[in-house]
Amino acid sequence: MGVGRNLGYQTQLFFKNKGFASHQHILSGDDDLFINEVANKRNTQIIIDKNAHTISNAKTTYKSWIRQKKRHF
């Protein structure tokens, strides 16, 4: 799954495809859905490099963890 913190795309591709316009009615996941729409074998690559890793800190409270899970659902 792709998430905003580990996806990259060119501005030109974003605007050519009207960005997140077709997903604006969805509360979250628009970044993931955008990539699903525009990605193909010519414009997609996987980067495996220590400098390409993203780090996400875990939620520190139960309340914030629940809020995050509700958003994901």
PDB file of N, CA and C in Angstrom:
ATOM      1  N   MET A   1       0.842  -1.181   0.000  1.00  0.00           N
ATOM      2  CA  MET A   1       0.000   0.000   0.000  1.00  0.00           C
ATOM      3  C   MET A   1       0.881   1.235   0.000  1.00  0.00           C
ATOM      4  N   GLY A   2       0.487   2.199  -0.728  1.00  0.00           N
ATOM      5  CA  GLY A   2       1.206   3.459  -0.714  1.00  0.00           C
ATOM      6  C   GLY A   2       0.534   4.445   0.223  1.00  0.00           C
ATOM      7  N   VAL A   3       1.324   5.204   0.913  1.00  0.00           N
ATOM      8  CA  VAL A   3       0.791   6.272   1.763  1.00  0.00           C
ATOM      9  C   VAL A   3       1.563   7.549   1.454  1.00  0.00           C
ATOM     10  N   GLY A   4       0.946   8.678   1.738  1.00  0.00           N
ATOM     11  CA  GLY A   4       1.520   9.973   1.385  1.00  0.00           C
ATOM     12  C   GLY A   4       2.961  10.163   1.801  1.00  0.00           C
ATOM     13  N   ARG A   5       3.350   9.621   2.926  1.00  0.00           N
ATOM     14  CA  ARG A   5       4.720   9.872   3.401  1.00  0.00           C
ATOM     15  C   ARG A   5       5.773   9.073   2.645  1.00  0.00           C
ATOM     16  N   ASN A   6       5.370   8.091   1.836  1.00  0.00           N
ATOM     17  CA  ASN A   6       6.382   7.361   1.082  1.00  0.00           C
ATOM     18  C   ASN A   6       6.098   7.295  -0.420  1.00  0.00           C
ATOM     19  N   LEU A   7       5.254   8.194  -0.903  1.00  0.00           N
ATOM     20  CA  LEU A   7       4.959   8.273  -2.330  1.00  0.00           C
ATOM     21  C   LEU A   7       5.534   9.561  -2.906  1.00  0.00           C
ATOM     22  N   GLY A   8       5.990   9.473  -4.105  1.00  0.00           N
ATOM     23  CA  GLY A   8       6.461  10.668  -4.784  1.00  0.00           C
ATOM     24  C   GLY A   8       5.944  10.662  -6.213  1.00  0.00           C
ATOM     25  N   TYR A   9       5.567  11.820  -6.691  1.00  0.00           N
ATOM     26  CA  TYR A   9       5.119  11.938  -8.081  1.00  0.00           C
ATOM     27  C   TYR A   9       5.412  13.350  -8.551  1.00  0.00           C
ATOM     28  N   GLN A  10       5.547  13.482  -9.843  1.00  0.00           N
ATOM     29  CA  GLN A  10       5.871  14.783 -10.414  1.00  0.00           C
ATOM     30  C   GLN A  10       4.649  15.692 -10.426  1.00  0.00           C
ATOM     31  N   THR A  11       4.895  16.977 -10.207  1.00  0.00           N
ATOM     32  CA  THR A  11       3.823  17.977 -10.197  1.00  0.00           C
ATOM     33  C   THR A  11       3.034  17.933 -11.494  1.00  0.00           C
ATOM     34  N   GLN A  12       3.745  17.778 -12.603  1.00  0.00           N
ATOM     35  CA  GLN A  12       3.099  17.733 -13.916  1.00  0.00           C
ATOM     36  C   GLN A  12       2.087  16.586 -13.986  1.00  0.00           C
ATOM     37  N   LEU A  13       2.450  15.407 -13.486  1.00  0.00           N
ATOM     38  CA  LEU A  13       1.548  14.251 -13.491  1.00  0.00           C
ATOM     39  C   LEU A  13       0.328  14.536 -12.614  1.00  0.00           C
ATOM     40  N   PHE A  14       0.563  15.140 -11.468  1.00  0.00           N
ATOM     41  CA  PHE A  14      -0.511  15.465 -10.531  1.00  0.00           C
ATOM     42  C   PHE A  14      -1.538  16.389 -11.183  1.00  0.00           C
ATOM     43  N   PHE A  15      -1.076  17.498 -11.760  1.00  0.00           N
ATOM     44  CA  PHE A  15      -2.002  18.462 -12.352  1.00  0.00           C
ATOM     45  C   PHE A  15      -2.637  17.959 -13.644  1.00  0.00           C
ATOM     46  N   LYS A  16      -1.896  17.200 -14.419  1.00  0.00           N
ATOM     47  CA  LYS A  16      -2.443  16.622 -15.659  1.00  0.00           C
ATOM     48  C   LYS A  16      -3.645  15.729 -15.357  1.00  0.00           C
ATOM     49  N   ASN A  17      -3.614  15.067 -14.210  1.00  0.00           N
ATOM     50  CA  ASN A  17      -4.685  14.151 -13.808  1.00  0.00           C
ATOM     51  C   ASN A  17      -5.646  14.772 -12.793  1.00  0.00           C
ATOM     52  N   LYS A  18      -5.605  16.086 -12.656  1.00  0.00           N
ATOM     53  CA  LYS A  18      -6.484  16.851 -11.772  1.00  0.00           C
ATOM     54  C   LYS A  18      -6.348  16.445 -10.308  1.00  0.00           C
ATOM     55  N   GLY A  19      -5.146  16.046  -9.949  1.00  0.00           N
ATOM     56  CA  GLY A  19      -4.838  15.768  -8.549  1.00  0.00           C
ATOM     57  C   GLY A  19      -5.808  14.836  -7.865  1.00  0.00           C
ATOM     58  N   PHE A  20      -6.263  15.249  -6.692  1.00  0.00           N
ATOM     59  CA  PHE A  20      -7.155  14.416  -5.886  1.00  0.00           C
ATOM     60  C   PHE A  20      -8.624  14.714  -6.152  1.00  0.00           C
ATOM     61  N   ALA A  21      -8.930  15.443  -7.219  1.00  0.00           N
ATOM     62  CA  ALA A  21     -10.299  15.892  -7.489  1.00  0.00           C
ATOM     63  C   ALA A  21     -11.312  14.749  -7.469  1.00  0.00           C
ATOM     64  N   SER A  22     -10.973  13.630  -8.048  1.00  0.00           N
ATOM     65  CA  SER A  22     -11.948  12.528  -8.113  1.00  0.00           C
ATOM     66  C   SER A  22     -12.122  11.812  -6.777  1.00  0.00           C
ATOM     67  N   HIS A  23     -11.319  12.197  -5.785  1.00  0.00           N
ATOM     68  CA  HIS A  23     -11.415  11.549  -4.466  1.00  0.00           C
ATOM     69  C   HIS A  23     -11.718  12.532  -3.349  1.00  0.00           C
ATOM     70  N   GLN A  24     -12.106  13.754  -3.695  1.00  0.00           N
ATOM     71  CA  GLN A  24     -12.289  14.772  -2.666  1.00  0.00           C
ATOM     72  C   GLN A  24     -13.435  14.471  -1.710  1.00  0.00           C
ATOM     73  N   HIS A  25     -14.323  13.566  -2.083  1.00  0.00           N
ATOM     74  CA  HIS A  25     -15.421  13.191  -1.197  1.00  0.00           C
ATOM     75  C   HIS A  25     -14.998  12.149  -0.147  1.00  0.00           C
ATOM     76  N   ILE A  26     -13.780  11.657  -0.245  1.00  0.00           N
ATOM     77  CA  ILE A  26     -13.270  10.635   0.676  1.00  0.00           C
ATOM     78  C   ILE A  26     -12.395  11.324   1.723  1.00  0.00           C
ATOM     79  N   LEU A  27     -12.587  10.961   3.000  1.00  0.00           N
ATOM     80  CA  LEU A  27     -11.871  11.626   4.088  1.00  0.00           C
ATOM     81  C   LEU A  27     -10.371  11.384   4.077  1.00  0.00           C
ATOM     82  N   SER A  28      -9.944  10.197   3.712  1.00  0.00           N
ATOM     83  CA  SER A  28      -8.513   9.906   3.659  1.00  0.00           C
ATOM     84  C   SER A  28      -8.262   8.827   2.619  1.00  0.00           C
ATOM     85  N   GLY A  29      -7.005   8.650   2.253  1.00  0.00           N
ATOM     86  CA  GLY A  29      -6.649   7.645   1.254  1.00  0.00           C
ATOM     87  C   GLY A  29      -6.572   8.198  -0.155  1.00  0.00           C
ATOM     88  N   ASP A  30      -6.769   9.514  -0.298  1.00  0.00           N
ATOM     89  CA  ASP A  30      -6.742  10.107  -1.635  1.00  0.00           C
ATOM     90  C   ASP A  30      -5.389   9.945  -2.309  1.00  0.00           C
ATOM     91  N   ASP A  31      -4.306   9.989  -1.532  1.00  0.00           N
ATOM     92  CA  ASP A  31      -2.971   9.808  -2.102  1.00  0.00           C
ATOM     93  C   ASP A  31      -2.803   8.411  -2.675  1.00  0.00           C
ATOM     94  N   ASP A  32      -3.250   7.433  -1.951  1.00  0.00           N
ATOM     95  CA  ASP A  32      -3.194   6.039  -2.358  1.00  0.00           C
ATOM     96  C   ASP A  32      -4.032   5.812  -3.622  1.00  0.00           C
ATOM     97  N   LEU A  33      -5.234   6.364  -3.652  1.00  0.00           N
ATOM     98  CA  LEU A  33      -6.127   6.203  -4.800  1.00  0.00           C
ATOM     99  C   LEU A  33      -5.595   6.920  -6.035  1.00  0.00           C
ATOM    100  N   PHE A  34      -4.982   8.086  -5.830  1.00  0.00           N
ATOM    101  CA  PHE A  34      -4.394   8.821  -6.951  1.00  0.00           C
ATOM    102  C   PHE A  34      -3.317   7.981  -7.637  1.00  0.00           C
ATOM    103  N   ILE A  35      -2.418   7.428  -6.841  1.00  0.00           N
ATOM    104  CA  ILE A  35      -1.350   6.590  -7.404  1.00  0.00           C
ATOM    105  C   ILE A  35      -1.937   5.385  -8.133  1.00  0.00           C
ATOM    106  N   ASN A  36      -2.956   4.794  -7.556  1.00  0.00           N
ATOM    107  CA  ASN A  36      -3.600   3.644  -8.199  1.00  0.00           C
ATOM    108  C   ASN A  36      -4.149   4.013  -9.576  1.00  0.00           C
ATOM    109  N   GLU A  37      -4.652   5.228  -9.708  1.00  0.00           N
ATOM    110  CA  GLU A  37      -5.186   5.688 -10.995  1.00  0.00           C
ATOM    111  C   GLU A  37      -4.115   5.957 -12.040  1.00  0.00           C
ATOM    112  N   VAL A  38      -3.015   6.574 -11.642  1.00  0.00           N
ATOM    113  CA  VAL A  38      -2.056   7.071 -12.629  1.00  0.00           C
ATOM    114  C   VAL A  38      -0.811   6.205 -12.828  1.00  0.00           C
ATOM    115  N   ALA A  39      -0.543   5.300 -11.923  1.00  0.00           N
ATOM    116  CA  ALA A  39       0.683   4.498 -12.018  1.00  0.00           C
ATOM    117  C   ALA A  39       0.594   3.478 -13.156  1.00  0.00           C
ATOM    118  N   ASN A  40       1.695   3.328 -13.843  1.00  0.00           N
ATOM    119  CA  ASN A  40       1.807   2.287 -14.861  1.00  0.00           C
ATOM    120  C   ASN A  40       3.270   1.839 -14.914  1.00  0.00           C
ATOM    121  N   LYS A  41       3.577   0.862 -15.721  1.00  0.00           N
ATOM    122  CA  LYS A  41       4.940   0.317 -15.724  1.00  0.00           C
ATOM    123  C   LYS A  41       5.981   1.292 -16.282  1.00  0.00           C
ATOM    124  N   ARG A  42       5.551   2.331 -17.000  1.00  0.00           N
ATOM    125  CA  ARG A  42       6.499   3.304 -17.537  1.00  0.00           C
ATOM    126  C   ARG A  42       6.822   4.445 -16.574  1.00  0.00           C
ATOM    127  N   ASN A  43       5.928   4.723 -15.614  1.00  0.00           N
ATOM    128  CA  ASN A  43       6.159   5.861 -14.731  1.00  0.00           C
ATOM    129  C   ASN A  43       6.309   5.481 -13.255  1.00  0.00           C
ATOM    130  N   THR A  44       6.539   4.215 -13.006  1.00  0.00           N
ATOM    131  CA  THR A  44       6.603   3.739 -11.625  1.00  0.00           C
ATOM    132  C   THR A  44       7.909   3.004 -11.367  1.00  0.00           C
ATOM    133  N   GLN A  45       8.474   3.247 -10.212  1.00  0.00           N
ATOM    134  CA  GLN A  45       9.653   2.506  -9.801  1.00  0.00           C
ATOM    135  C   GLN A  45       9.668   2.378  -8.284  1.00  0.00           C
ATOM    136  N   ILE A  46      10.344   1.366  -7.829  1.00  0.00           N
ATOM    137  CA  ILE A  46      10.526   1.135  -6.397  1.00  0.00           C
ATOM    138  C   ILE A  46      11.967   1.486  -6.075  1.00  0.00           C
ATOM    139  N   ILE A  47      12.155   2.287  -5.065  1.00  0.00           N
ATOM    140  CA  ILE A  47      13.494   2.697  -4.653  1.00  0.00           C
ATOM    141  C   ILE A  47      13.844   1.979  -3.353  1.00  0.00           C
ATOM    142  N   ILE A  48      14.874   1.179  -3.409  1.00  0.00           N
ATOM    143  CA  ILE A  48      15.353   0.492  -2.210  1.00  0.00           C
ATOM    144  C   ILE A  48      16.723   1.071  -1.884  1.00  0.00           C
ATOM    145  N   ASP A  49      16.716   1.985  -0.947  1.00  0.00           N
ATOM    146  CA  ASP A  49      17.925   2.681  -0.566  1.00  0.00           C
ATOM    147  C   ASP A  49      17.734   3.204   0.846  1.00  0.00           C
ATOM    148  N   LYS A  50      18.768   3.191   1.637  1.00  0.00           N
ATOM    149  CA  LYS A  50      18.630   3.654   3.023  1.00  0.00           C
ATOM    150  C   LYS A  50      18.173   5.103   3.097  1.00  0.00           C
ATOM    151  N   ASN A  51      18.497   5.916   2.105  1.00  0.00           N
ATOM    152  CA  ASN A  51      18.077   7.315   2.087  1.00  0.00           C
ATOM    153  C   ASN A  51      16.636   7.504   1.619  1.00  0.00           C
ATOM    154  N   ALA A  52      16.017   6.440   1.131  1.00  0.00           N
ATOM    155  CA  ALA A  52      14.643   6.531   0.646  1.00  0.00           C
ATOM    156  C   ALA A  52      13.630   6.038   1.674  1.00  0.00           C
ATOM    157  N   HIS A  53      14.088   5.561   2.801  1.00  0.00           N
ATOM    158  CA  HIS A  53      13.176   5.044   3.823  1.00  0.00           C
ATOM    159  C   HIS A  53      12.479   6.177   4.561  1.00  0.00           C
ATOM    160  N   THR A  54      11.250   5.925   4.942  1.00  0.00           N
ATOM    161  CA  THR A  54      10.531   6.881   5.767  1.00  0.00           C
ATOM    162  C   THR A  54      10.287   6.250   7.131  1.00  0.00           C
ATOM    163  N   ILE A  55      10.319   7.065   8.151  1.00  0.00           N
ATOM    164  CA  ILE A  55      10.104   6.578   9.511  1.00  0.00           C
ATOM    165  C   ILE A  55       8.845   7.227  10.057  1.00  0.00           C
ATOM    166  N   SER A  56       7.972   6.409  10.577  1.00  0.00           N
ATOM    167  CA  SER A  56       6.745   6.909  11.190  1.00  0.00           C
ATOM    168  C   SER A  56       6.756   6.514  12.660  1.00  0.00           C
ATOM    169  N   ASN A  57       6.617   7.499  13.500  1.00  0.00           N
ATOM    170  CA  ASN A  57       6.567   7.217  14.930  1.00  0.00           C
ATOM    171  C   ASN A  57       5.189   6.695  15.312  1.00  0.00           C
ATOM    172  N   ALA A  58       5.171   5.724  16.184  1.00  0.00           N
ATOM    173  CA  ALA A  58       3.911   5.148  16.648  1.00  0.00           C
ATOM    174  C   ALA A  58       3.133   6.169  17.472  1.00  0.00           C
ATOM    175  N   LYS A  59       1.822   6.018  17.475  1.00  0.00           N
ATOM    176  CA  LYS A  59       0.986   6.879  18.301  1.00  0.00           C
ATOM    177  C   LYS A  59       1.339   6.629  19.770  1.00  0.00           C
ATOM    178  N   THR A  60       1.282   7.677  20.549  1.00  0.00           N
ATOM    179  CA  THR A  60       1.726   7.575  21.950  1.00  0.00           C
ATOM    180  C   THR A  60       0.579   7.426  22.942  1.00  0.00           C
ATOM    181  N   THR A  61      -0.648   7.632  22.471  1.00  0.00           N
ATOM    182  CA  THR A  61      -1.789   7.450  23.375  1.00  0.00           C
ATOM    183  C   THR A  61      -2.810   6.528  22.720  1.00  0.00           C
ATOM    184  N   TYR A  62      -3.590   5.894  23.539  1.00  0.00           N
ATOM    185  CA  TYR A  62      -4.627   4.998  23.044  1.00  0.00           C
ATOM    186  C   TYR A  62      -5.643   5.783  22.215  1.00  0.00           C
ATOM    187  N   LYS A  63      -5.995   6.982  22.679  1.00  0.00           N
ATOM    188  CA  LYS A  63      -6.969   7.830  21.985  1.00  0.00           C
ATOM    189  C   LYS A  63      -6.500   8.177  20.572  1.00  0.00           C
ATOM    190  N   SER A  64      -5.242   8.570  20.445  1.00  0.00           N
ATOM    191  CA  SER A  64      -4.727   8.930  19.117  1.00  0.00           C
ATOM    192  C   SER A  64      -4.607   7.703  18.213  1.00  0.00           C
ATOM    193  N   TRP A  65      -4.305   6.554  18.797  1.00  0.00           N
ATOM    194  CA  TRP A  65      -4.225   5.311  18.027  1.00  0.00           C
ATOM    195  C   TRP A  65      -5.604   4.932  17.499  1.00  0.00           C
ATOM    196  N   ILE A  66      -6.632   5.046  18.348  1.00  0.00           N
ATOM    197  CA  ILE A  66      -8.011   4.737  17.942  1.00  0.00           C
ATOM    198  C   ILE A  66      -8.457   5.689  16.835  1.00  0.00           C
ATOM    199  N   ARG A  67      -8.159   6.975  16.981  1.00  0.00           N
ATOM    200  CA  ARG A  67      -8.514   7.967  15.967  1.00  0.00           C
ATOM    201  C   ARG A  67      -7.880   7.596  14.621  1.00  0.00           C
ATOM    202  N   GLN A  68      -6.620   7.187  14.655  1.00  0.00           N
ATOM    203  CA  GLN A  68      -5.926   6.795  13.428  1.00  0.00           C
ATOM    204  C   GLN A  68      -6.580   5.565  12.805  1.00  0.00           C
ATOM    205  N   LYS A  69      -6.902   4.575  13.608  1.00  0.00           N
ATOM    206  CA  LYS A  69      -7.530   3.351  13.088  1.00  0.00           C
ATOM    207  C   LYS A  69      -8.897   3.641  12.503  1.00  0.00           C
ATOM    208  N   LYS A  70      -9.665   4.536  13.123  1.00  0.00           N
ATOM    209  CA  LYS A  70     -10.969   4.910  12.576  1.00  0.00           C
ATOM    210  C   LYS A  70     -10.812   5.566  11.215  1.00  0.00           C
ATOM    211  N   ARG A  71      -9.791   6.438  11.089  1.00  0.00           N
ATOM    212  CA  ARG A  71      -9.524   7.085   9.814  1.00  0.00           C
ATOM    213  C   ARG A  71      -9.161   6.058   8.751  1.00  0.00           C
ATOM    214  N   HIS A  72      -8.342   5.083   9.116  1.00  0.00           N
ATOM    215  CA  HIS A  72      -7.944   4.060   8.158  1.00  0.00           C
ATOM    216  C   HIS A  72      -9.128   3.207   7.716  1.00  0.00           C
ATOM    217  N   PHE A  73     -10.033   2.970   8.634  1.00  0.00           N
ATOM    218  CA  PHE A  73     -11.196   2.133   8.337  1.00  0.00           C
ATOM    219  C   PHE A  73     -12.091   2.846   7.340  1.00  0.00           C
TER     220      PHE A  73
END
